[in-house]
Amino acid sequence: MAGTSPHGGGHEKRDISIRGALLLAVGIVAVVPLAMLAMNLLFRFLAAREARLQPPPISQVPGEARPLPPEPRLQMSPALDYRKIRAGEDEALASYGWIDRSRGKVRIPVARAIELLVEQPLPSRPQKAPEASR
């Protein structure tokens, strides 16, 4: 008796209940928005309770100056600070000035240093003459 099933046939005898499937779909569509609404209300309740439990901010205490935080402090405007630093560096690269007056060290603009190097190149090692093959 090959090919026969102990349960009778080789396939199911009934189809899925359309009414049951539709009721399940309607139930899911109804429950999901209700669950979302319940979670929203819960989060609002918990946020309000947490806000009530927090102490007032220190900065709102009248008549008391806020002490500065310890070093290193955060920058208030990093982009502006960067522009100031960059402007100082650019000015130093494009102007003459003393580095160490007691030793006689000065700085010169980069463009002028390049001109001087073109006029009188840097010293290099002497080239050895190639040895003759024996």
C-alpha atoms as a PDB file:
ATOM      1  CA  MET A   1       0.000   0.000   0.000  1.00  0.00           C
ATOM      2  CA  ALA A   2       2.547   2.467  -1.057  1.00  0.00           C
ATOM      3  CA  GLY A   3       1.343   6.037  -1.551  1.00  0.00           C
ATOM      4  CA  THR A   4      -1.537   5.895   0.902  1.00  0.00           C
ATOM      5  CA  SER A   5      -1.581   7.928   4.079  1.00  0.00           C
ATOM      6  CA  PRO A   6      -2.604   6.577   7.452  1.00  0.00           C
ATOM      7  CA  HIS A   7      -4.917   9.605   7.741  1.00  0.00           C
ATOM      8  CA  GLY A   8      -6.967   8.807   4.749  1.00  0.00           C
ATOM      9  CA  GLY A   9      -5.992  10.959   1.774  1.00  0.00           C
ATOM     10  CA  GLY A  10      -2.904  12.635   0.378  1.00  0.00           C
ATOM     11  CA  HIS A  11      -4.143  16.193   0.959  1.00  0.00           C
ATOM     12  CA  GLU A  12      -6.362  18.251   3.234  1.00  0.00           C
ATOM     13  CA  LYS A  13     -10.062  17.959   2.682  1.00  0.00           C
ATOM     14  CA  ARG A  14     -11.042  21.505   3.884  1.00  0.00           C
ATOM     15  CA  ASP A  15      -9.972  24.943   2.695  1.00  0.00           C
ATOM     16  CA  ILE A  16      -9.059  27.849   4.964  1.00  0.00           C
ATOM     17  CA  SER A  17     -11.991  29.647   6.494  1.00  0.00           C
ATOM     18  CA  ILE A  18     -12.351  32.991   4.735  1.00  0.00           C
ATOM     19  CA  ARG A  19     -14.436  34.334   7.593  1.00  0.00           C
ATOM     20  CA  GLY A  20     -11.764  33.391  10.153  1.00  0.00           C
ATOM     21  CA  ALA A  21      -8.956  34.953   8.065  1.00  0.00           C
ATOM     22  CA  LEU A  22     -10.918  38.192   7.655  1.00  0.00           C
ATOM     23  CA  LEU A  23     -11.676  38.338  11.385  1.00  0.00           C
ATOM     24  CA  LEU A  24      -7.971  37.843  12.154  1.00  0.00           C
ATOM     25  CA  ALA A  25      -6.965  40.639   9.737  1.00  0.00           C
ATOM     26  CA  VAL A  26      -9.593  43.022  11.149  1.00  0.00           C
ATOM     27  CA  GLY A  27      -8.454  42.170  14.678  1.00  0.00           C
ATOM     28  CA  ILE A  28      -4.817  42.941  13.843  1.00  0.00           C
ATOM     29  CA  VAL A  29      -5.759  46.201  12.118  1.00  0.00           C
ATOM     30  CA  ALA A  30      -7.790  47.212  15.185  1.00  0.00           C
ATOM     31  CA  VAL A  31      -5.274  46.144  17.854  1.00  0.00           C
ATOM     32  CA  VAL A  32      -2.116  47.720  16.359  1.00  0.00           C
ATOM     33  CA  PRO A  33      -3.363  51.361  16.492  1.00  0.00           C
ATOM     34  CA  LEU A  34      -4.736  50.775  19.997  1.00  0.00           C
ATOM     35  CA  ALA A  35      -1.361  49.441  21.122  1.00  0.00           C
ATOM     36  CA  MET A  36       0.382  52.445  19.557  1.00  0.00           C
ATOM     37  CA  LEU A  37      -1.972  54.830  21.330  1.00  0.00           C
ATOM     38  CA  ALA A  38      -1.442  53.046  24.647  1.00  0.00           C
ATOM     39  CA  MET A  39       2.365  53.231  24.242  1.00  0.00           C
ATOM     40  CA  ASN A  40       2.185  56.935  23.371  1.00  0.00           C
ATOM     41  CA  LEU A  41       0.116  57.657  26.499  1.00  0.00           C
ATOM     42  CA  LEU A  42       2.486  55.576  28.626  1.00  0.00           C
ATOM     43  CA  PHE A  43       5.566  57.401  27.322  1.00  0.00           C
ATOM     44  CA  ARG A  44       3.971  60.807  27.923  1.00  0.00           C
ATOM     45  CA  PHE A  45       3.017  59.803  31.462  1.00  0.00           C
ATOM     46  CA  LEU A  46       6.522  58.520  32.254  1.00  0.00           C
ATOM     47  CA  ALA A  47       8.199  61.608  30.732  1.00  0.00           C
ATOM     48  CA  ALA A  48       5.996  63.944  32.790  1.00  0.00           C
ATOM     49  CA  ARG A  49       6.680  61.961  35.971  1.00  0.00           C
ATOM     50  CA  GLU A  50      10.444  62.030  35.317  1.00  0.00           C
ATOM     51  CA  ALA A  51      10.340  65.788  34.688  1.00  0.00           C
ATOM     52  CA  ARG A  52       8.611  66.307  38.052  1.00  0.00           C
ATOM     53  CA  LEU A  53      11.219  64.207  39.859  1.00  0.00           C
ATOM     54  CA  GLN A  54      14.232  66.094  38.430  1.00  0.00           C
ATOM     55  CA  PRO A  55      15.696  68.957  40.491  1.00  0.00           C
ATOM     56  CA  PRO A  56      15.599  72.422  38.938  1.00  0.00           C
ATOM     57  CA  PRO A  57      18.616  73.389  36.821  1.00  0.00           C
ATOM     58  CA  ILE A  58      21.427  75.147  38.689  1.00  0.00           C
ATOM     59  CA  SER A  59      21.566  77.980  36.160  1.00  0.00           C
ATOM     60  CA  GLN A  60      18.110  79.186  37.239  1.00  0.00           C
ATOM     61  CA  VAL A  61      19.176  79.977  40.804  1.00  0.00           C
ATOM     62  CA  PRO A  62      18.745  83.779  41.136  1.00  0.00           C
ATOM     63  CA  GLY A  63      21.604  85.983  42.304  1.00  0.00           C
ATOM     64  CA  GLU A  64      24.245  83.274  42.190  1.00  0.00           C
ATOM     65  CA  ALA A  65      27.027  83.369  39.598  1.00  0.00           C
ATOM     66  CA  ARG A  66      27.758  80.151  37.782  1.00  0.00           C
ATOM     67  CA  PRO A  67      31.300  78.916  38.441  1.00  0.00           C
ATOM     68  CA  LEU A  68      33.380  78.040  35.414  1.00  0.00           C
ATOM     69  CA  PRO A  69      33.850  74.327  34.776  1.00  0.00           C
ATOM     70  CA  PRO A  70      37.347  72.876  35.160  1.00  0.00           C
ATOM     71  CA  GLU A  71      39.786  72.833  32.237  1.00  0.00           C
ATOM     72  CA  PRO A  72      39.610  71.796  29.436  1.00  0.00           C
ATOM     73  CA  ARG A  73      36.462  73.712  28.608  1.00  0.00           C
ATOM     74  CA  LEU A  74      34.324  73.184  25.548  1.00  0.00           C
ATOM     75  CA  GLN A  75      34.610  75.685  22.758  1.00  0.00           C
ATOM     76  CA  MET A  76      31.681  78.022  22.302  1.00  0.00           C
ATOM     77  CA  SER A  77      32.308  78.499  18.564  1.00  0.00           C
ATOM     78  CA  PRO A  78      34.864  76.035  17.168  1.00  0.00           C
ATOM     79  CA  ALA A  79      34.568  77.348  13.604  1.00  0.00           C
ATOM     80  CA  LEU A  80      35.405  80.909  14.696  1.00  0.00           C
ATOM     81  CA  ASP A  81      38.304  79.685  16.838  1.00  0.00           C
ATOM     82  CA  TYR A  82      39.639  77.685  13.889  1.00  0.00           C
ATOM     83  CA  ARG A  83      39.440  80.723  11.596  1.00  0.00           C
ATOM     84  CA  LYS A  84      41.367  82.825  14.145  1.00  0.00           C
ATOM     85  CA  ILE A  85      44.094  80.193  14.510  1.00  0.00           C
ATOM     86  CA  ARG A  86      44.322  79.725  10.751  1.00  0.00           C
ATOM     87  CA  ALA A  87      44.530  83.507  10.168  1.00  0.00           C
ATOM     88  CA  GLY A  88      47.411  83.738  12.673  1.00  0.00           C
ATOM     89  CA  GLU A  89      49.243  80.869  10.988  1.00  0.00           C
ATOM     90  CA  ASP A  90      48.727  82.371   7.527  1.00  0.00           C
ATOM     91  CA  GLU A  91      49.987  85.739   8.768  1.00  0.00           C
ATOM     92  CA  ALA A  92      53.096  84.096  10.255  1.00  0.00           C
ATOM     93  CA  LEU A  93      53.796  82.243   6.991  1.00  0.00           C
ATOM     94  CA  ALA A  94      53.489  85.408   4.900  1.00  0.00           C
ATOM     95  CA  SER A  95      55.451  87.922   7.023  1.00  0.00           C
ATOM     96  CA  TYR A  96      58.883  88.641   8.393  1.00  0.00           C
ATOM     97  CA  GLY A  97      59.481  88.390  12.119  1.00  0.00           C
ATOM     98  CA  TRP A  98      61.784  87.323  14.908  1.00  0.00           C
ATOM     99  CA  ILE A  99      61.827  83.746  16.132  1.00  0.00           C
ATOM    100  CA  ASP A 100      64.657  84.236  18.660  1.00  0.00           C
ATOM    101  CA  ARG A 101      66.207  87.705  18.728  1.00  0.00           C
ATOM    102  CA  SER A 102      69.095  86.689  21.028  1.00  0.00           C
ATOM    103  CA  ARG A 103      70.229  83.967  18.609  1.00  0.00           C
ATOM    104  CA  GLY A 104      69.476  86.049  15.534  1.00  0.00           C
ATOM    105  CA  LYS A 105      66.819  83.682  14.164  1.00  0.00           C
ATOM    106  CA  VAL A 106      64.160  85.223  11.958  1.00  0.00           C
ATOM    107  CA  ARG A 107      61.301  83.939   9.849  1.00  0.00           C
ATOM    108  CA  ILE A 108      60.705  84.932   6.266  1.00  0.00           C
ATOM    109  CA  PRO A 109      57.664  84.465   4.048  1.00  0.00           C
ATOM    110  CA  VAL A 110      57.378  81.103   2.337  1.00  0.00           C
ATOM    111  CA  ALA A 111      57.308  82.680  -1.139  1.00  0.00           C
ATOM    112  CA  ARG A 112      60.591  84.500  -0.441  1.00  0.00           C
ATOM    113  CA  ALA A 113      62.182  81.289   0.925  1.00  0.00           C
ATOM    114  CA  ILE A 114      61.269  79.489  -2.298  1.00  0.00           C
ATOM    115  CA  GLU A 115      62.830  82.281  -4.361  1.00  0.00           C
ATOM    116  CA  LEU A 116      66.053  82.025  -2.335  1.00  0.00           C
ATOM    117  CA  LEU A 117      66.182  78.263  -2.830  1.00  0.00           C
ATOM    118  CA  VAL A 118      65.732  78.636  -6.571  1.00  0.00           C
ATOM    119  CA  GLU A 119      68.575  81.165  -6.725  1.00  0.00           C
ATOM    120  CA  GLN A 120      70.930  79.096  -4.592  1.00  0.00           C
ATOM    121  CA  PRO A 121      69.929  75.421  -4.304  1.00  0.00           C
ATOM    122  CA  LEU A 122      70.449  73.362  -1.192  1.00  0.00           C
ATOM    123  CA  PRO A 123      73.801  71.592  -0.841  1.00  0.00           C
ATOM    124  CA  SER A 124      73.866  67.935  -1.813  1.00  0.00           C
ATOM    125  CA  ARG A 125      76.297  65.067  -1.380  1.00  0.00           C
ATOM    126  CA  PRO A 126      79.022  64.788  -3.983  1.00  0.00           C
ATOM    127  CA  GLN A 127      78.323  62.104  -6.539  1.00  0.00           C
ATOM    128  CA  LYS A 128      80.823  59.245  -6.685  1.00  0.00           C
ATOM    129  CA  ALA A 129      82.250  58.425 -10.055  1.00  0.00           C
ATOM    130  CA  PRO A 130      81.067  55.057 -11.273  1.00  0.00           C
ATOM    131  CA  GLU A 131      83.712  52.393 -10.942  1.00  0.00           C
ATOM    132  CA  ALA A 132      84.910  50.723 -14.130  1.00  0.00           C
ATOM    133  CA  SER A 133      83.946  47.087 -14.590  1.00  0.00           C
ATOM    134  CA  ARG A 134      86.876  44.655 -14.391  1.00  0.00           C
END
